[in-house]
């Protein structure tokens, strides 16, 4: 079960260069998203025919003369929107950086913002040692074995091969230069 304790932290400074980089990236992504959204909205508005209806309405209320169009140059509007979006992105990045510098100056006087956090720590219980329990082998009832199992049990060749492999591995370990011999 985790133990929870309250921890008080104080935010004393923001690095202005880090705030600038994060703010620039954030506002650039936000600007691109807004521009894409406006382009999609503009194409939907054009396909529905809203600009022609607005031109007709403005002509009826005599704000436009016959034959004039308020929405005649879509590319110029797009350039203005892109310029304003880039200006917005740069201005917000600059304002965020100035705000970080002002926060640093004010926190030198006031002491920063205190935040209370809950910190969880897990209490680990020590595991039981891994001790292998000896296994008790039951005696083999030779009478209960079927005919196909008796040759395996009575065979001594397999036991000799296993013993030879055990001796060979023992010899390799004893002749290993990294393992000290018993005479050392």
Protein backbone atom coordinates (compact mmCIF):
# COMPACT_ATOMS: atom_id res chain seq x y z
CA UNK A 1 0.00 0.00 0.00
CA UNK A 2 1.49 3.37 -0.96
CA UNK A 3 2.27 5.89 1.73
CA UNK A 4 1.15 9.43 0.90
CA UNK A 5 2.80 12.53 2.29
CA UNK A 6 2.27 16.21 1.60
CA UNK A 7 5.24 18.02 0.13
CA UNK A 8 5.51 21.80 -0.28
CA UNK A 9 7.41 23.05 -3.31
CA UNK A 10 8.20 26.66 -4.23
CA UNK A 11 8.51 27.79 -7.84
CA UNK A 12 11.08 30.56 -7.64
CA UNK A 13 12.24 31.04 -11.24
CA UNK A 14 11.39 30.29 -14.84
CA UNK A 15 14.27 30.22 -17.28
CA UNK A 16 13.37 32.88 -19.90
CA UNK A 17 15.15 31.02 -22.71
CA UNK A 18 13.19 27.84 -21.99
CA UNK A 19 9.94 29.81 -21.79
CA UNK A 20 10.79 31.43 -25.13
CA UNK A 21 11.44 28.08 -26.85
CA UNK A 22 8.33 26.38 -25.46
CA UNK A 23 6.16 29.41 -26.18
CA UNK A 24 7.48 29.74 -29.72
CA UNK A 25 6.78 26.09 -30.48
CA UNK A 26 3.35 26.18 -28.83
CA UNK A 27 2.23 29.32 -30.63
CA UNK A 28 3.64 28.16 -33.98
CA UNK A 29 1.64 24.92 -33.75
CA UNK A 30 -1.43 26.88 -32.63
CA UNK A 31 -1.05 29.29 -35.56
CA UNK A 32 -0.71 26.49 -38.11
CA UNK A 33 -3.78 24.78 -36.67
CA UNK A 34 -5.82 27.98 -36.79
CA UNK A 35 -4.73 28.69 -40.36
CA UNK A 36 -5.72 25.20 -41.49
CA UNK A 37 -9.06 25.56 -39.75
CA UNK A 38 -9.67 28.95 -41.39
CA UNK A 39 -8.76 27.56 -44.83
CA UNK A 40 -11.23 24.71 -44.42
CA UNK A 41 -13.91 27.10 -43.16
CA UNK A 42 -13.27 29.51 -46.06
CA UNK A 43 -13.57 26.72 -48.64
CA UNK A 44 -16.86 25.57 -47.08
CA UNK A 45 -18.19 29.16 -47.08
CA UNK A 46 -17.21 29.62 -50.75
CA UNK A 47 -18.85 26.32 -51.76
CA UNK A 48 -22.09 27.22 -49.96
CA UNK A 49 -22.22 30.61 -51.71
CA UNK A 50 -22.17 32.91 -48.71
CA UNK A 51 -19.98 35.65 -50.34
CA UNK A 52 -22.40 36.10 -53.28
CA UNK A 53 -25.36 36.38 -50.92
CA UNK A 54 -23.51 38.93 -48.78
CA UNK A 55 -22.66 40.95 -51.91
CA UNK A 56 -26.34 40.91 -52.90
CA UNK A 57 -27.38 41.99 -49.39
CA UNK A 58 -24.80 44.81 -49.31
CA UNK A 59 -26.06 46.00 -52.70
CA UNK A 60 -29.67 46.01 -51.47
CA UNK A 61 -28.84 48.16 -48.45
CA UNK A 62 -26.74 50.43 -50.75
CA UNK A 63 -23.35 49.82 -49.17
CA UNK A 64 -22.07 48.46 -52.51
CA UNK A 65 -22.81 49.66 -56.02
CA UNK A 66 -24.11 47.25 -58.67
CA UNK A 67 -21.33 45.05 -60.05
CA UNK A 68 -18.94 45.59 -57.12
CA UNK A 69 -17.92 42.69 -54.90
CA UNK A 70 -16.75 42.78 -51.31
CA UNK A 71 -15.12 39.33 -51.59
CA UNK A 72 -13.48 39.70 -55.00
CA UNK A 73 -9.89 38.87 -54.00
CA UNK A 74 -9.63 35.74 -51.81
CA UNK A 75 -5.83 35.52 -52.18
CA UNK A 76 -5.38 38.98 -50.69
CA UNK A 77 -7.52 37.99 -47.68
CA UNK A 78 -5.44 34.83 -47.28
CA UNK A 79 -2.21 36.85 -47.25
CA UNK A 80 -3.63 39.20 -44.63
CA UNK A 81 -4.75 36.27 -42.46
CA UNK A 82 -1.33 34.57 -42.70
CA UNK A 83 0.43 37.84 -41.83
CA UNK A 84 -1.86 38.45 -38.84
CA UNK A 85 -1.40 34.85 -37.64
CA UNK A 86 2.40 35.13 -37.80
CA UNK A 87 2.23 38.50 -36.02
CA UNK A 88 0.01 36.93 -33.32
CA UNK A 89 2.46 34.05 -32.86
CA UNK A 90 5.47 36.36 -32.47
CA UNK A 91 3.62 38.75 -30.15
CA UNK A 92 2.40 35.97 -27.85
CA UNK A 93 5.89 34.44 -27.72
CA UNK A 94 7.35 37.82 -26.79
CA UNK A 95 4.65 38.42 -24.16
CA UNK A 96 5.22 34.97 -22.61
CA UNK A 97 8.96 35.60 -22.34
CA UNK A 98 8.40 39.05 -20.81
CA UNK A 99 5.93 37.50 -18.35
CA UNK A 100 8.58 34.93 -17.30
CA UNK A 101 11.12 37.72 -16.72
CA UNK A 102 8.59 39.72 -14.70
CA UNK A 103 7.72 36.63 -12.65
CA UNK A 104 11.40 36.11 -11.85
CA UNK A 105 11.74 39.73 -10.69
CA UNK A 106 8.61 39.56 -8.55
CA UNK A 107 9.49 36.17 -7.06
CA UNK A 108 12.84 37.57 -5.90
CA UNK A 109 10.87 40.01 -3.74
CA UNK A 110 7.90 37.84 -2.72
CA UNK A 111 9.55 34.43 -2.63
CA UNK A 112 7.77 32.57 -5.41
CA UNK A 113 4.61 30.50 -5.63
CA UNK A 114 4.16 27.69 -3.12
CA UNK A 115 2.61 24.49 -4.43
CA UNK A 116 1.46 21.62 -2.19
CA UNK A 117 1.89 18.22 -3.80
CA UNK A 118 1.02 14.70 -2.69
CA UNK A 119 3.95 12.34 -3.02
CA UNK A 120 3.35 8.60 -3.01
CA UNK A 121 6.03 6.16 -1.93
CA UNK A 122 5.65 2.42 -2.11
CA UNK A 123 6.64 0.40 0.90
CA UNK A 124 8.21 -2.76 -0.37
CA UNK A 125 8.14 -5.74 1.92
CA UNK A 126 11.23 -7.91 1.77
CA UNK A 127 10.64 -11.04 -0.22
CA UNK A 128 11.11 -14.44 1.33
CA UNK A 129 14.49 -15.95 0.46
CA UNK A 130 14.39 -18.32 -2.45
CA UNK A 131 15.44 -21.60 -0.87
CA UNK A 132 14.89 -24.72 -2.85
CA UNK A 133 13.31 -27.41 -0.77
CA UNK A 134 14.78 -30.89 -1.19
CA UNK A 135 12.51 -33.20 -3.09
CA UNK A 136 11.70 -36.62 -1.77
CA UNK A 137 11.82 -39.21 -4.51
CA UNK A 138 9.39 -42.04 -4.24
CA UNK A 139 10.80 -45.52 -4.73
CA UNK A 140 9.99 -46.99 -8.13
CA UNK A 141 7.67 -49.96 -8.10
CA UNK A 142 9.27 -52.13 -10.79
CA UNK A 143 6.28 -54.43 -10.97
CA UNK A 144 3.90 -51.57 -11.85
CA UNK A 145 5.97 -50.45 -14.86
CA UNK A 146 4.87 -51.42 -18.31
CA UNK A 147 7.13 -53.30 -20.67
CA UNK A 148 8.06 -50.18 -22.65
CA UNK A 149 9.44 -48.38 -19.56
CA UNK A 150 11.56 -51.24 -18.16
CA UNK A 151 14.40 -51.01 -20.70
CA UNK A 152 14.86 -47.30 -19.92
CA UNK A 153 15.03 -47.94 -16.18
CA UNK A 154 17.38 -50.92 -16.53
CA UNK A 155 19.72 -49.19 -19.01
CA UNK A 156 23.15 -48.24 -17.67
CA UNK A 157 24.57 -46.68 -20.84
CA UNK A 158 22.67 -43.42 -20.37
CA UNK A 159 23.88 -43.14 -16.80
CA UNK A 160 27.50 -43.59 -17.89
CA UNK A 161 27.16 -40.89 -20.56
CA UNK A 162 25.72 -38.50 -18.02
CA UNK A 163 28.51 -39.30 -15.57
CA UNK A 164 31.13 -38.75 -18.31
CA UNK A 165 29.60 -35.36 -19.16
CA UNK A 166 29.64 -34.39 -15.51
CA UNK A 167 33.29 -35.36 -15.16
CA UNK A 168 34.23 -33.51 -18.33
CA UNK A 169 32.55 -30.33 -17.17
CA UNK A 170 34.27 -30.68 -13.80
CA UNK A 171 37.64 -31.02 -15.50
CA UNK A 172 37.02 -27.89 -17.58
CA UNK A 173 36.19 -25.86 -14.50
CA UNK A 174 39.25 -27.10 -12.64
CA UNK A 175 41.58 -26.28 -15.56
CA UNK A 176 40.12 -22.79 -16.01
CA UNK A 177 42.88 -20.19 -15.33
CA UNK A 178 40.41 -17.80 -13.72
CA UNK A 179 39.39 -20.33 -11.07
CA UNK A 180 42.05 -20.77 -8.37
CA UNK A 181 43.18 -24.33 -7.88
CA UNK A 182 43.10 -26.05 -4.51
CA UNK A 183 46.89 -25.86 -4.15
CA UNK A 184 46.92 -22.01 -4.13
